[in-house]
Structure formats: structure tokens, C-alpha cells
N, C-alpha and C. Protein backbone atom coordinates (compact mmCIF):
# COMPACT_ATOMS: atom_id res chain seq x y z
N MET A 1 -30.75 121.95 -54.64
CA MET A 1 -29.58 121.62 -54.96
C MET A 1 -29.15 121.32 -56.60
N ARG A 2 -30.06 121.14 -57.44
CA ARG A 2 -30.22 120.71 -58.47
C ARG A 2 -30.29 121.95 -59.79
N GLU A 3 -30.89 122.69 -58.76
CA GLU A 3 -30.65 124.23 -59.81
C GLU A 3 -29.23 124.84 -59.77
N ALA A 4 -28.65 124.40 -58.81
CA ALA A 4 -27.26 124.96 -58.80
C ALA A 4 -26.13 124.62 -59.56
N PHE A 5 -26.46 123.61 -60.34
CA PHE A 5 -25.48 122.94 -61.49
C PHE A 5 -26.25 123.68 -63.24
N SER A 6 -24.59 123.40 -63.59
CA SER A 6 -25.02 124.57 -64.76
C SER A 6 -25.04 122.90 -66.08
N THR A 7 -24.37 122.30 -65.78
CA THR A 7 -24.35 121.15 -66.42
C THR A 7 -24.73 119.68 -65.92
N TYR A 8 -25.61 119.34 -66.63
CA TYR A 8 -26.30 117.85 -66.19
C TYR A 8 -25.85 116.74 -67.12
N VAL A 9 -25.42 115.39 -66.64
CA VAL A 9 -24.87 114.37 -67.52
C VAL A 9 -25.57 112.88 -66.39
N LEU A 10 -26.16 112.42 -67.37
CA LEU A 10 -26.58 110.75 -67.09
C LEU A 10 -26.41 109.99 -67.91
N LEU A 11 -25.46 108.89 -67.10
CA LEU A 11 -24.91 107.79 -67.70
C LEU A 11 -25.23 106.57 -67.21
N GLY A 12 -25.31 105.56 -68.15
CA GLY A 12 -25.62 104.02 -67.65
C GLY A 12 -27.36 104.41 -67.89
N THR A 13 -27.65 103.09 -67.19
CA THR A 13 -29.12 103.00 -67.67
C THR A 13 -29.85 104.07 -66.27
N ALA A 14 -30.83 104.70 -66.98
CA ALA A 14 -31.76 105.22 -66.76
C ALA A 14 -33.20 105.03 -67.02
N ASN A 15 -33.76 105.01 -66.16
CA ASN A 15 -35.40 104.48 -66.55
C ASN A 15 -36.18 106.09 -67.00
N GLY A 16 -37.27 106.35 -67.27
CA GLY A 16 -37.97 107.57 -67.46
C GLY A 16 -38.02 108.17 -66.24
N ASP A 17 -38.50 108.03 -65.11
CA ASP A 17 -38.60 108.78 -63.79
C ASP A 17 -37.21 109.40 -63.58
N THR A 18 -35.75 108.50 -63.90
CA THR A 18 -34.43 109.09 -63.84
C THR A 18 -34.30 110.16 -64.40
N GLN A 19 -34.54 109.88 -65.99
CA GLN A 19 -34.68 111.09 -66.78
C GLN A 19 -35.58 112.39 -66.55
N ARG A 20 -36.53 112.12 -66.11
CA ARG A 20 -37.25 113.20 -65.60
C ARG A 20 -36.41 114.01 -64.49
N MET A 21 -36.09 113.29 -63.48
CA MET A 21 -35.59 113.74 -62.15
C MET A 21 -34.17 114.57 -63.01
N THR A 22 -33.30 114.31 -64.12
CA THR A 22 -32.13 114.63 -64.08
C THR A 22 -32.41 115.94 -64.91
N PHE A 23 -33.18 116.01 -65.98
CA PHE A 23 -33.44 116.72 -66.86
C PHE A 23 -34.74 117.65 -67.18
N GLY A 24 -35.74 117.31 -66.34
CA GLY A 24 -37.12 117.63 -66.40
C GLY A 24 -37.82 117.38 -67.46
N GLN A 25 -37.51 116.38 -68.47
CA GLN A 25 -38.14 116.01 -69.47
C GLN A 25 -37.68 114.14 -69.35
N THR A 26 -38.34 113.51 -70.38
CA THR A 26 -37.71 112.30 -70.65
C THR A 26 -37.18 112.37 -71.96
N VAL A 27 -36.01 111.89 -71.72
CA VAL A 27 -35.17 112.25 -73.10
C VAL A 27 -35.63 110.98 -74.46
N THR A 28 -35.76 110.06 -73.85
CA THR A 28 -35.78 108.52 -74.82
C THR A 28 -36.85 107.27 -73.98
N THR A 29 -37.47 106.79 -74.75
CA THR A 29 -38.19 105.82 -74.33
C THR A 29 -37.29 104.75 -73.60
N GLY A 30 -37.51 104.00 -72.96
CA GLY A 30 -36.68 102.67 -72.69
C GLY A 30 -35.24 103.09 -71.60
N THR A 31 -34.33 102.23 -71.46
CA THR A 31 -33.68 102.99 -70.67
C THR A 31 -31.91 103.37 -71.44
N VAL A 32 -31.19 103.87 -70.96
CA VAL A 32 -29.88 104.68 -72.34
C VAL A 32 -29.24 103.08 -71.81
N PRO A 33 -28.79 102.75 -72.74
CA PRO A 33 -27.50 101.84 -72.54
C PRO A 33 -26.30 102.30 -71.96
N THR A 34 -25.71 101.03 -71.60
CA THR A 34 -24.32 100.86 -71.06
C THR A 34 -23.30 101.64 -71.98
N GLY A 35 -22.60 102.80 -71.53
CA GLY A 35 -21.29 103.40 -72.38
C GLY A 35 -22.17 104.43 -73.00
N TRP A 36 -23.40 104.90 -73.08
CA TRP A 36 -24.16 105.81 -73.42
C TRP A 36 -24.90 106.92 -72.37
N GLY A 37 -24.81 108.05 -72.47
CA GLY A 37 -25.50 109.11 -71.99
C GLY A 37 -26.02 109.94 -72.68
N TYR A 38 -26.63 110.95 -71.87
CA TYR A 38 -26.92 112.45 -72.25
C TYR A 38 -26.47 113.77 -71.27
N TYR A 39 -26.28 114.49 -72.05
CA TYR A 39 -25.74 115.79 -71.16
C TYR A 39 -26.40 117.22 -71.44
N LEU A 40 -26.76 117.76 -70.71
CA LEU A 40 -27.65 119.18 -70.72
C LEU A 40 -26.69 120.29 -70.25
N SER A 41 -26.62 121.67 -70.64
CA SER A 41 -26.12 122.29 -70.61
C SER A 41 -26.99 123.66 -69.99
N LYS A 42 -26.95 124.66 -69.22
CA LYS A 42 -28.13 125.49 -69.35
C LYS A 42 -28.06 126.59 -69.69
N VAL A 43 -27.74 126.33 -71.26
CA VAL A 43 -27.33 127.68 -72.42
C VAL A 43 -28.86 127.75 -73.22
N ALA A 44 -28.72 128.78 -73.78
CA ALA A 44 -29.92 129.11 -74.74
C ALA A 44 -29.53 128.25 -75.92
N THR A 45 -28.51 127.69 -76.37
CA THR A 45 -28.28 127.12 -77.73
C THR A 45 -28.64 125.45 -77.18
N MET A 46 -28.85 125.28 -76.38
CA MET A 46 -29.04 124.38 -76.17
C MET A 46 -30.22 123.43 -74.79
N PRO A 47 -31.21 123.64 -75.73
CA PRO A 47 -32.51 123.72 -75.07
C PRO A 47 -33.06 121.98 -74.67
N THR A 48 -32.00 120.65 -75.31
CA THR A 48 -32.62 119.45 -75.27
C THR A 48 -31.52 118.69 -74.84
N PRO A 49 -31.33 117.64 -73.84
CA PRO A 49 -30.35 117.14 -73.70
C PRO A 49 -29.77 116.42 -74.92
N GLN A 50 -28.68 116.38 -75.11
CA GLN A 50 -27.89 115.42 -76.35
C GLN A 50 -27.13 114.20 -75.82
N LEU A 51 -27.01 113.32 -77.15
CA LEU A 51 -26.74 111.90 -76.32
C LEU A 51 -25.25 111.92 -76.84
N PHE A 52 -24.57 111.13 -76.24
CA PHE A 52 -23.16 111.30 -76.32
C PHE A 52 -22.43 109.46 -76.28
N VAL A 53 -21.75 109.28 -76.87
CA VAL A 53 -21.33 107.37 -76.39
C VAL A 53 -19.98 107.71 -75.17
N VAL A 54 -19.68 106.84 -74.58
CA VAL A 54 -18.18 106.87 -73.93
C VAL A 54 -17.79 105.34 -74.43
N PRO A 55 -16.49 105.77 -75.25
CA PRO A 55 -15.87 104.41 -76.16
C PRO A 55 -15.21 103.62 -74.80
N ASN A 56 -15.41 102.25 -75.25
CA ASN A 56 -15.05 101.13 -74.04
C ASN A 56 -13.49 100.96 -74.43
N LEU A 57 -12.84 101.82 -73.73
CA LEU A 57 -11.10 101.64 -73.96
C LEU A 57 -10.34 99.98 -73.75
N VAL A 58 -10.78 99.50 -72.73
CA VAL A 58 -10.40 98.30 -72.46
C VAL A 58 -10.99 97.24 -73.76
N LYS A 59 -11.87 97.35 -74.10
CA LYS A 59 -12.24 96.38 -75.05
C LYS A 59 -11.74 96.57 -76.50
N ASN A 60 -11.26 97.98 -76.87
CA ASN A 60 -10.55 98.12 -77.79
C ASN A 60 -9.32 98.41 -77.47
N ASN A 61 -8.22 97.93 -76.51
CA ASN A 61 -7.25 98.15 -76.19
C ASN A 61 -6.48 99.33 -76.14
N LEU A 62 -7.27 100.19 -75.50
CA LEU A 62 -6.82 101.71 -75.76
C LEU A 62 -6.47 101.73 -74.11
N GLU A 63 -6.69 101.17 -73.38
CA GLU A 63 -6.38 101.54 -71.48
C GLU A 63 -5.11 101.96 -71.07
N SER A 64 -4.00 101.57 -71.97
CA SER A 64 -2.75 101.88 -71.70
C SER A 64 -2.47 103.29 -71.49
N LEU A 65 -1.80 103.93 -69.98
CA LEU A 65 -1.57 105.25 -70.17
C LEU A 65 -0.69 105.71 -71.35
N GLU A 66 0.32 104.88 -71.25
CA GLU A 66 1.62 105.17 -72.29
C GLU A 66 0.72 105.49 -73.87
N LEU A 67 -0.18 104.57 -74.10
CA LEU A 67 -0.65 105.06 -75.58
C LEU A 67 -1.67 106.27 -75.44
N MET A 68 -2.41 106.33 -74.23
CA MET A 68 -3.08 108.01 -74.02
C MET A 68 -2.43 109.18 -74.11
N GLY A 69 -1.15 108.84 -73.60
CA GLY A 69 -0.31 109.88 -73.68
C GLY A 69 0.28 110.19 -75.03
N LYS A 70 0.43 109.19 -75.68
CA LYS A 70 0.80 109.50 -77.45
C LYS A 70 -0.07 109.81 -78.01
N LEU A 71 -1.60 109.25 -78.18
CA LEU A 71 -2.42 109.83 -78.83
C LEU A 71 -2.59 111.37 -78.54
N TYR A 72 -2.10 112.11 -77.17
CA TYR A 72 -2.45 113.46 -76.69
C TYR A 72 -1.44 114.57 -77.55
N LYS A 73 -0.36 113.46 -77.35
CA LYS A 73 1.00 114.55 -77.94
C LYS A 73 0.42 114.95 -79.53
N GLU A 74 -0.06 113.80 -80.21
CA GLU A 74 -0.10 113.61 -81.61
C GLU A 74 -1.12 114.77 -81.94
N LYS A 75 -1.93 114.73 -80.97
CA LYS A 75 -3.05 115.72 -81.17
C LYS A 75 -3.14 117.19 -81.41
N LYS A 76 -1.37 117.52 -80.43
CA LYS A 76 -1.08 118.98 -80.34
C LYS A 76 -0.58 119.60 -81.81
């Protein structure tokens, strides 16, 4: 089943075994911190998982849908 996906995403805490199950390799030693993650897309230009950080919207007072709508409109 895993081979059917073209993009893999690993969020939250994950030990080396979980990383190997997801990506076929260990991405980092230890665990993936909460709010961080790795993704891998099956394209030739991305041979290794890439790190990304998910911002904490509540902690930074950005959870309001109205604010998100304003930010989206400003981006256009």
C-alpha cells in the first residue's frame, strides 16, 4: 500500500523505526519534535526527505478564521 503514494509526510514525534517505515531510511537521530515534520515526494529532484515546520497558530494568536481570510486576500 505504501508504494501507491507519491508523497509521504511524517508529523510529530517519530523514532528511527517509524522514519524507516515511512521513508525507507532514517532521517534524523532521536525524535522529530512536535510541530516539525518531514516530507518526501517521489520525484527525481527530491531524493531525500525534507524538513518543514508547522507554525503554532494558537500560540501566536493567528487562529482566527477572519484573520486567515485577511491574510489570504492580502497575498493575492
